[in-house]
């Protein structure tokens, strides 16, 4: 399967939504219309940091996406790219789509003079960790969430 990765655009909502529904189901998170519209509005708003890319196959089908944003690294005094989400449709997995999305993300970071790509994944997402271990260094940082 040949895939092209490109930035998400205004007219991509419905095709993106199908993938975002799959992503939410993968992590067993309920996706409401309100959540989907909020995330999409962030992606297409030039004044919001969240941006995105989509992997499109030869038939024009969306088979994966990445959502990312720049973040300051205070101890380094520079900016990095934080990869919030990377998802590949189930029927497109194992065909290099995740790697292509990661390469696009790295190129985006280079073009925007960002120091590195940072991400996290679920502890039980062994498939994603194989890809990430090939591309980067696993850190010793522990992540916390604090409700407010």
Protein backbone atom coordinates (compact mmCIF):
# COMPACT_ATOMS: atom_id res chain seq x y z
CA UNK A 1 0.00 0.00 0.00
CA UNK A 2 1.32 3.40 -0.97
CA UNK A 3 0.58 6.21 1.48
CA UNK A 4 1.01 9.96 1.35
CA UNK A 5 1.17 11.99 4.56
CA UNK A 6 0.01 15.58 4.44
CA UNK A 7 -1.30 18.28 6.80
CA UNK A 8 -4.97 18.09 7.74
CA UNK A 9 -7.15 20.65 5.96
CA UNK A 10 -10.53 22.28 6.41
CA UNK A 11 -12.34 19.78 4.17
CA UNK A 12 -10.99 16.69 5.93
CA UNK A 13 -13.39 16.64 8.88
CA UNK A 14 -15.59 13.67 8.02
CA UNK A 15 -12.77 11.38 6.90
CA UNK A 16 -10.73 12.42 9.98
CA UNK A 17 -13.75 11.82 12.23
CA UNK A 18 -13.93 8.16 11.20
CA UNK A 19 -10.32 7.69 12.28
CA UNK A 20 -10.81 9.70 15.47
CA UNK A 21 -13.74 7.45 16.36
CA UNK A 22 -11.47 4.43 15.90
CA UNK A 23 -8.77 6.06 18.04
CA UNK A 24 -11.25 6.78 20.82
CA UNK A 25 -12.60 3.22 20.70
CA UNK A 26 -9.04 1.82 20.83
CA UNK A 27 -8.48 3.62 24.14
CA UNK A 28 -12.06 2.88 25.28
CA UNK A 29 -12.93 6.57 25.56
CA UNK A 30 -16.43 7.75 24.77
CA UNK A 31 -16.35 10.19 21.89
CA UNK A 32 -19.19 12.70 21.86
CA UNK A 33 -19.98 15.08 19.03
CA UNK A 34 -18.92 17.94 21.31
CA UNK A 35 -15.48 16.42 21.96
CA UNK A 36 -14.89 15.68 18.28
CA UNK A 37 -15.93 19.17 17.21
CA UNK A 38 -13.74 20.74 19.91
CA UNK A 39 -10.65 18.82 18.84
CA UNK A 40 -11.32 19.54 15.17
CA UNK A 41 -11.76 23.26 15.90
CA UNK A 42 -8.36 23.29 17.61
CA UNK A 43 -6.71 21.56 14.65
CA UNK A 44 -8.05 23.96 12.02
CA UNK A 45 -7.67 27.14 14.13
CA UNK A 46 -4.45 28.86 13.04
CA UNK A 47 -4.34 30.56 16.46
CA UNK A 48 -4.30 27.24 18.33
CA UNK A 49 -1.10 25.25 18.82
CA UNK A 50 -2.64 21.85 17.95
CA UNK A 51 -1.94 20.77 14.39
CA UNK A 52 -2.37 17.53 12.54
CA UNK A 53 -1.40 15.34 9.63
CA UNK A 54 -3.18 12.52 7.87
CA UNK A 55 -1.98 9.44 6.01
CA UNK A 56 -3.94 8.85 2.80
CA UNK A 57 -3.75 5.67 0.71
CA UNK A 58 -3.90 5.38 -3.10
CA UNK A 59 -7.70 5.12 -2.99
CA UNK A 60 -7.97 8.41 -1.08
CA UNK A 61 -8.90 6.71 2.18
CA UNK A 62 -7.57 8.12 5.43
CA UNK A 63 -5.59 5.38 7.15
CA UNK A 64 -3.88 7.26 9.99
CA UNK A 65 -3.31 10.57 11.69
CA UNK A 66 -0.98 12.45 14.00
CA UNK A 67 -1.87 15.41 16.24
CA UNK A 68 0.99 17.54 17.54
CA UNK A 69 1.89 20.93 19.02
CA UNK A 70 4.94 22.89 20.02
CA UNK A 71 5.78 23.05 23.73
CA UNK A 72 8.46 24.97 25.65
CA UNK A 73 11.25 23.02 27.32
CA UNK A 74 12.13 25.29 30.23
CA UNK A 75 15.30 23.51 31.33
CA UNK A 76 16.65 23.55 27.78
CA UNK A 77 15.44 27.01 26.84
CA UNK A 78 14.00 25.80 23.55
CA UNK A 79 10.87 24.36 21.99
CA UNK A 80 9.95 20.76 21.22
CA UNK A 81 7.12 19.11 19.34
CA UNK A 82 4.73 17.13 21.51
CA UNK A 83 2.98 14.31 19.68
CA UNK A 84 -0.41 14.11 21.37
CA UNK A 85 -1.91 11.36 19.24
CA UNK A 86 -0.80 8.90 16.60
CA UNK A 87 -3.30 6.43 15.20
CA UNK A 88 -3.31 3.97 12.33
CA UNK A 89 -6.53 2.29 11.20
CA UNK A 90 -6.61 -1.38 12.15
CA UNK A 91 -6.61 -2.62 8.55
CA UNK A 92 -3.56 -0.47 7.70
CA UNK A 93 -1.35 -1.54 10.61
CA UNK A 94 1.93 -3.31 9.96
CA UNK A 95 2.38 -1.56 6.60
CA UNK A 96 4.64 1.31 7.63
CA UNK A 97 1.94 3.95 8.07
CA UNK A 98 2.98 4.71 11.66
CA UNK A 99 6.58 5.13 10.56
CA UNK A 100 5.55 7.50 7.77
CA UNK A 101 3.48 9.57 10.19
CA UNK A 102 6.43 9.72 12.59
CA UNK A 103 8.78 10.78 9.78
CA UNK A 104 6.34 13.52 8.77
CA UNK A 105 6.18 14.66 12.40
CA UNK A 106 9.99 14.73 12.67
CA UNK A 107 10.22 16.71 9.41
CA UNK A 108 7.64 19.18 10.73
CA UNK A 109 9.73 19.62 13.89
CA UNK A 110 12.89 20.22 11.84
CA UNK A 111 11.17 22.74 9.57
CA UNK A 112 9.89 24.65 12.61
CA UNK A 113 13.29 24.49 14.36
CA UNK A 114 11.95 22.42 17.25
CA UNK A 115 14.57 20.55 19.26
CA UNK A 116 12.93 17.13 19.50
CA UNK A 117 9.69 15.17 19.34
CA UNK A 118 8.24 14.09 22.68
CA UNK A 119 5.38 11.66 23.21
CA UNK A 120 3.86 9.18 25.58
CA UNK A 121 1.83 6.07 25.04
CA UNK A 122 -0.17 3.64 27.10
CA UNK A 123 1.95 1.20 29.10
CA UNK A 124 0.11 -1.71 27.48
CA UNK A 125 0.44 -0.46 23.88
CA UNK A 126 3.30 -2.80 23.02
CA UNK A 127 2.87 -2.40 19.25
CA UNK A 128 3.34 1.37 19.40
CA UNK A 129 6.27 0.98 21.77
CA UNK A 130 8.12 -1.17 19.22
CA UNK A 131 7.91 1.71 16.73
CA UNK A 132 8.83 4.38 19.28
CA UNK A 133 11.77 2.33 20.59
CA UNK A 134 13.15 2.23 17.02
CA UNK A 135 12.88 6.00 16.63
CA UNK A 136 13.70 7.43 20.03
CA UNK A 137 14.85 6.91 23.57
CA UNK A 138 12.55 5.65 26.30
CA UNK A 139 12.84 7.97 29.29
CA UNK A 140 12.61 7.41 33.03
CA UNK A 141 10.01 10.12 33.55
CA UNK A 142 6.79 9.14 35.33
CA UNK A 143 3.55 10.79 34.19
CA UNK A 144 0.85 11.99 36.59
CA UNK A 145 -2.65 13.37 36.05
CA UNK A 146 -4.18 15.64 38.69
CA UNK A 147 -7.88 16.40 38.45
CA UNK A 148 -9.00 19.98 39.09
